[in-house]
Amino acid sequence: MPGALPVRGPHARRARAALGRSCSDHYAHYAAAILFWHRGFDIYRHPTRELCNADSSSRAYVAALGLEPESACGLPERAGARPLVINWPDHPRPYPPGALLYAAPEALLYAHTGLSFRVINRLTIMKHLIMAHLLAGILSLLLLGRFRHEEEMAPPPFARGAIILVPLIYLAVVPWAIGGIYDAVAVLLVVLAIGRGHRGDPLAALLLFGGALFLHCRAVWSLPLAIACCRSLRRRSRTSVPASPPGRRSKNACASSPS
């Protein structure tokens, strides 16, 4: 099972603890959360390299982990502490603030405990896996027609054939989580937003979409969902306001008129 790979796979013995030799997002996110604590919104305005002071000891620490020395990030405020490890140091951070909040638990572990770099990375991968399994499970149940309205007695016509897609969904979602990619949590919110919109609750759908966009910039691909929710809310507000009888002004209009 792919879900057992973070614990038993050979990659779990590596410092990055992720599936794939180039996966570096998971530890960069919690390192960026620590950097944000010290540098604030400058992480969105300046390349990471300009905000760090990576000396030879910091680079040696990162190289000993089997990672790229260029990703080392030392801070004067953290003198004596292990350096941060952030990928793409030549660019500002491209992820929204929700990604920093999502990585805050691992950031606290890295900054305030003696847990090793590898152990924290394994915990991060396991957190991603929980969200990936939730996403795969909810998507599968939706395709199988398990979340129908009470008045919809019959399952959707594609429900029986959808059983073929269940393992494909699993294989499409879970390996990315093992690789340290946290997209599943944002996609999960988008899926829940679609469900709320389908049930006639555009406000809840819009809030869920906002949460997804707060967590991940790629949620912007679902922007048509937000536009549809806004249009639905606008139509609902128009139909909920009772029209004034002919020849009679509303109280609000009288209140706002000059005396």
Protein backbone atom coordinates (compact mmCIF):
# COMPACT_ATOMS: atom_id res chain seq x y z
CA MET A 1 0.00 0.00 0.00
CA PRO A 2 1.37 3.46 -0.86
CA GLY A 3 0.17 4.73 2.50
CA ALA A 4 2.74 2.56 4.27
CA LEU A 5 5.66 3.91 2.25
CA PRO A 6 6.53 6.84 4.59
CA VAL A 7 7.11 4.32 7.39
CA ARG A 8 8.59 1.35 5.56
CA GLY A 9 9.89 2.60 2.23
CA PRO A 10 13.64 3.00 1.66
CA HIS A 11 13.18 6.73 1.12
CA ALA A 12 11.99 7.04 4.75
CA ARG A 13 15.59 6.54 5.86
CA ARG A 14 16.72 9.60 3.92
CA ALA A 15 16.74 13.00 5.57
CA ARG A 16 14.00 14.36 3.32
CA ALA A 17 11.80 11.26 4.01
CA ALA A 18 9.90 11.81 0.77
CA LEU A 19 9.28 9.70 -2.29
CA GLY A 20 11.57 11.02 -5.01
CA ARG A 21 15.02 12.53 -4.92
CA SER A 22 13.91 16.03 -5.91
CA CYS A 23 11.03 16.45 -3.45
CA SER A 24 11.77 19.39 -1.21
CA ASP A 25 8.53 21.30 -0.71
CA HIS A 26 7.54 19.82 2.65
CA TYR A 27 10.57 20.95 4.66
CA ALA A 28 10.78 24.23 2.74
CA HIS A 29 7.25 25.12 3.88
CA TYR A 30 7.90 24.83 7.60
CA ALA A 31 11.27 26.52 7.18
CA ALA A 32 9.50 29.36 5.35
CA ALA A 33 7.07 29.62 8.28
CA ILE A 34 10.02 30.20 10.62
CA LEU A 35 11.51 32.69 8.17
CA PHE A 36 8.18 34.53 8.03
CA TRP A 37 8.26 34.87 11.83
CA HIS A 38 11.57 36.75 11.56
CA ARG A 39 11.21 38.55 8.21
CA GLY A 40 7.47 38.98 7.81
CA PHE A 41 6.05 39.67 4.38
CA ASP A 42 9.52 40.28 2.97
CA ILE A 43 9.48 36.59 2.05
CA TYR A 44 7.01 37.56 -0.69
CA ARG A 45 9.02 40.56 -1.87
CA HIS A 46 12.60 39.33 -1.90
CA PRO A 47 14.36 36.11 -2.87
CA THR A 48 15.06 33.87 0.08
CA ARG A 49 18.80 34.17 -0.52
CA GLU A 50 18.64 37.91 0.23
CA LEU A 51 16.93 37.29 3.58
CA CYS A 52 19.38 34.65 4.81
CA ASN A 53 22.99 34.57 5.89
CA ALA A 54 24.16 31.12 4.87
CA ASP A 55 27.69 30.73 6.21
CA SER A 56 29.98 27.74 5.71
CA SER A 57 28.67 25.91 8.79
CA SER A 58 25.07 26.22 7.59
CA ARG A 59 26.02 24.89 4.18
CA ALA A 60 27.96 22.04 5.74
CA TYR A 61 24.94 21.08 7.86
CA VAL A 62 22.66 20.96 4.82
CA ALA A 63 25.24 19.07 2.76
CA ALA A 64 25.53 16.49 5.54
CA LEU A 65 21.79 15.88 5.17
CA GLY A 66 22.36 15.01 1.53
CA LEU A 67 20.62 18.18 0.33
CA GLU A 68 21.71 21.12 -1.80
CA PRO A 69 23.98 23.46 0.21
CA GLU A 70 22.50 26.41 -1.68
CA SER A 71 19.20 25.85 0.14
CA ALA A 72 20.75 26.63 3.54
CA CYS A 73 19.30 29.66 5.30
CA GLY A 74 20.95 30.99 8.44
CA LEU A 75 19.57 33.87 10.49
CA PRO A 76 21.41 36.03 13.03
CA GLU A 77 18.37 35.81 15.32
CA ARG A 78 18.79 32.03 15.36
CA ALA A 79 22.52 31.97 16.10
CA GLY A 80 23.51 28.58 17.45
CA ALA A 81 20.36 26.90 16.10
CA ARG A 82 20.28 24.59 13.10
CA PRO A 83 19.79 26.46 9.83
CA LEU A 84 16.63 26.48 7.79
CA VAL A 85 16.44 24.57 4.53
CA ILE A 86 14.42 26.33 1.81
CA ASN A 87 14.27 25.37 -1.84
CA TRP A 88 14.30 27.84 -4.75
CA PRO A 89 16.41 30.40 -2.86
CA ASP A 90 16.66 32.66 -5.90
CA HIS A 91 12.93 33.43 -5.79
CA PRO A 92 10.45 34.90 -3.31
CA ARG A 93 8.09 32.41 -1.73
CA PRO A 94 5.14 31.78 -4.10
CA TYR A 95 2.75 30.17 -1.62
CA PRO A 96 -0.03 32.09 0.21
CA PRO A 97 -0.01 32.64 3.98
CA GLY A 98 -2.24 29.63 4.55
CA ALA A 99 0.65 27.38 3.59
CA LEU A 100 2.70 28.89 6.41
CA LEU A 101 -0.13 28.34 8.86
CA TYR A 102 -0.58 24.76 7.67
CA ALA A 103 3.14 24.12 8.24
CA ALA A 104 3.21 25.88 11.62
CA PRO A 105 3.17 22.67 13.74
CA GLU A 106 6.31 21.37 12.04
CA ALA A 107 7.88 24.82 12.27
CA LEU A 108 7.39 24.79 16.05
CA LEU A 109 8.88 21.30 16.28
CA TYR A 110 11.91 22.33 14.24
CA ALA A 111 12.49 25.55 16.16
CA HIS A 112 11.75 24.42 19.72
CA THR A 113 12.43 20.69 19.99
CA GLY A 114 15.33 18.37 19.45
CA LEU A 115 13.50 16.18 16.95
CA SER A 116 15.69 15.38 13.99
CA PHE A 117 15.19 16.82 10.53
CA ARG A 118 14.21 13.38 9.23
CA VAL A 119 11.63 12.70 11.97
CA ILE A 120 9.92 16.06 11.42
CA ASN A 121 9.82 15.38 7.70
CA ARG A 122 8.23 12.00 8.29
CA LEU A 123 5.57 13.60 10.47
CA THR A 124 4.92 16.13 7.71
CA ILE A 125 4.51 13.39 5.11
CA MET A 126 2.10 11.55 7.40
CA LYS A 127 0.01 14.71 7.78
CA HIS A 128 -0.10 15.07 4.00
CA LEU A 129 -1.11 11.42 3.73
CA ILE A 130 -4.06 11.88 6.07
CA MET A 131 -5.40 14.67 3.90
CA ALA A 132 -4.71 12.69 0.72
CA HIS A 133 -6.67 9.71 2.02
CA LEU A 134 -9.55 11.97 3.07
CA LEU A 135 -9.60 13.49 -0.41
CA ALA A 136 -9.42 10.12 -2.16
CA GLY A 137 -12.14 8.72 0.07
CA ILE A 138 -14.55 11.62 -0.38
CA LEU A 139 -14.00 11.74 -4.14
CA SER A 140 -14.62 8.01 -4.39
CA LEU A 141 -17.80 8.21 -2.33
CA LEU A 142 -19.05 11.10 -4.45
CA LEU A 143 -18.49 9.13 -7.64
CA LEU A 144 -20.25 6.13 -6.14
CA GLY A 145 -23.25 8.27 -5.23
CA ARG A 146 -22.95 7.96 -1.47
CA PHE A 147 -23.67 11.64 -0.80
CA ARG A 148 -27.03 11.96 -2.53
CA HIS A 149 -29.93 14.15 -1.51
CA GLU A 150 -32.65 12.39 0.44
CA GLU A 151 -35.05 12.80 -2.48
CA GLU A 152 -32.57 11.19 -4.88
CA MET A 153 -33.42 7.57 -4.27
CA ALA A 154 -31.60 6.08 -7.25
CA PRO A 155 -27.80 6.29 -7.52
CA PRO A 156 -26.36 8.23 -10.45
CA PRO A 157 -26.14 6.25 -13.70
CA PHE A 158 -22.35 6.26 -13.67
CA ALA A 159 -22.04 4.92 -10.09
CA ARG A 160 -21.39 1.30 -11.06
CA GLY A 161 -18.75 2.17 -13.60
CA ALA A 162 -17.16 4.65 -11.21
CA ILE A 163 -15.79 1.78 -9.13
CA ILE A 164 -13.07 1.48 -11.78
CA LEU A 165 -11.94 5.04 -11.06
CA VAL A 166 -11.49 4.53 -7.31
CA PRO A 167 -7.99 2.97 -7.51
CA LEU A 168 -7.02 5.54 -10.13
CA ILE A 169 -8.03 8.35 -7.77
CA TYR A 170 -5.98 6.78 -5.00
CA LEU A 171 -2.91 6.40 -7.20
CA ALA A 172 -3.29 9.96 -8.48
CA VAL A 173 -3.55 11.54 -5.02
CA VAL A 174 -1.52 9.53 -2.53
CA PRO A 175 1.90 9.36 -4.27
CA TRP A 176 2.00 13.17 -4.45
CA ALA A 177 1.47 13.33 -0.70
CA ILE A 178 4.31 10.86 -0.16
CA GLY A 179 6.44 13.18 -2.26
CA GLY A 180 5.82 16.04 0.17
CA ILE A 181 3.19 17.88 -1.89
CA TYR A 182 0.40 19.30 0.27
CA ASP A 183 -2.09 20.10 -2.52
CA ALA A 184 -4.59 17.51 -1.24
CA VAL A 185 -5.83 19.73 1.58
CA ALA A 186 -6.67 22.58 -0.83
CA VAL A 187 -8.29 20.22 -3.35
CA LEU A 188 -10.32 18.71 -0.50
CA LEU A 189 -11.75 22.14 0.32
CA VAL A 190 -12.57 22.72 -3.36
CA VAL A 191 -14.39 19.36 -3.51
CA LEU A 192 -16.35 20.24 -0.37
CA ALA A 193 -17.16 23.64 -1.90
CA ILE A 194 -18.54 21.96 -5.00
CA GLY A 195 -20.67 19.74 -2.78
CA ARG A 196 -22.09 22.69 -0.85
CA GLY A 197 -22.79 24.56 -4.06
CA HIS A 198 -24.62 21.53 -5.46
CA ARG A 199 -26.76 21.44 -2.31
CA GLY A 200 -27.78 25.07 -2.77
CA ASP A 201 -25.48 26.68 -0.20
CA PRO A 202 -23.33 29.10 -2.23
CA LEU A 203 -22.16 31.06 0.80
CA ALA A 204 -20.61 27.99 2.43
CA ALA A 205 -19.15 27.02 -0.95
CA LEU A 206 -17.59 30.46 -1.30
CA LEU A 207 -16.07 30.26 2.18
CA LEU A 208 -14.60 26.83 1.45
CA PHE A 209 -13.16 28.08 -1.81
CA GLY A 210 -11.64 31.04 0.02
CA GLY A 211 -10.03 28.61 2.45
CA ALA A 212 -8.58 26.64 -0.46
CA LEU A 213 -7.19 29.81 -2.04
CA PHE A 214 -5.74 30.87 1.31
CA LEU A 215 -3.91 27.54 1.49
CA HIS A 216 -2.70 27.12 -2.07
CA CYS A 217 -2.26 29.39 -5.07
CA ARG A 218 -3.28 26.61 -7.47
CA ALA A 219 -6.81 26.81 -6.09
CA VAL A 220 -7.21 29.77 -8.44
CA TRP A 221 -7.85 27.17 -11.15
CA SER A 222 -11.26 26.74 -9.49
CA LEU A 223 -12.09 30.43 -9.77
CA PRO A 224 -15.16 29.70 -11.98
CA LEU A 225 -16.64 27.98 -8.93
CA ALA A 226 -16.32 31.19 -6.90
CA ILE A 227 -17.84 33.23 -9.74
CA ALA A 228 -20.80 30.85 -9.92
CA CYS A 229 -21.30 31.10 -6.15
CA CYS A 230 -21.21 34.91 -6.28
CA ARG A 231 -23.80 34.95 -9.06
CA SER A 232 -25.98 32.56 -7.10
CA LEU A 233 -25.76 34.76 -4.00
CA ARG A 234 -26.62 37.81 -6.08
CA ARG A 235 -29.69 36.13 -7.56
CA ARG A 236 -30.77 34.98 -4.11
CA SER A 237 -30.44 38.48 -2.66
CA ARG A 238 -32.55 39.89 -5.47
CA THR A 239 -35.34 37.36 -5.01
CA SER A 240 -35.33 37.68 -1.20
CA VAL A 241 -36.05 41.45 -1.19
CA PRO A 242 -39.84 41.99 -1.39
CA ALA A 243 -40.97 44.53 -3.92
CA SER A 244 -42.74 47.64 -2.63
CA PRO A 245 -46.39 48.05 -3.59
CA PRO A 246 -47.01 50.43 -6.50
CA GLY A 247 -47.28 54.04 -5.49
CA ARG A 248 -45.81 53.41 -2.02
CA ARG A 249 -42.26 54.16 -0.99
CA SER A 250 -40.36 51.81 1.25
CA LYS A 251 -39.43 52.77 4.81
CA ASN A 252 -35.74 52.78 3.93
CA ALA A 253 -36.38 55.21 1.08
CA CYS A 254 -38.40 57.49 3.38
CA ALA A 255 -35.73 57.32 6.04
CA SER A 256 -33.01 58.26 3.61
CA SER A 257 -34.93 61.14 1.98
CA PRO A 258 -34.20 64.72 3.11
CA SER A 259 -36.72 66.25 5.49
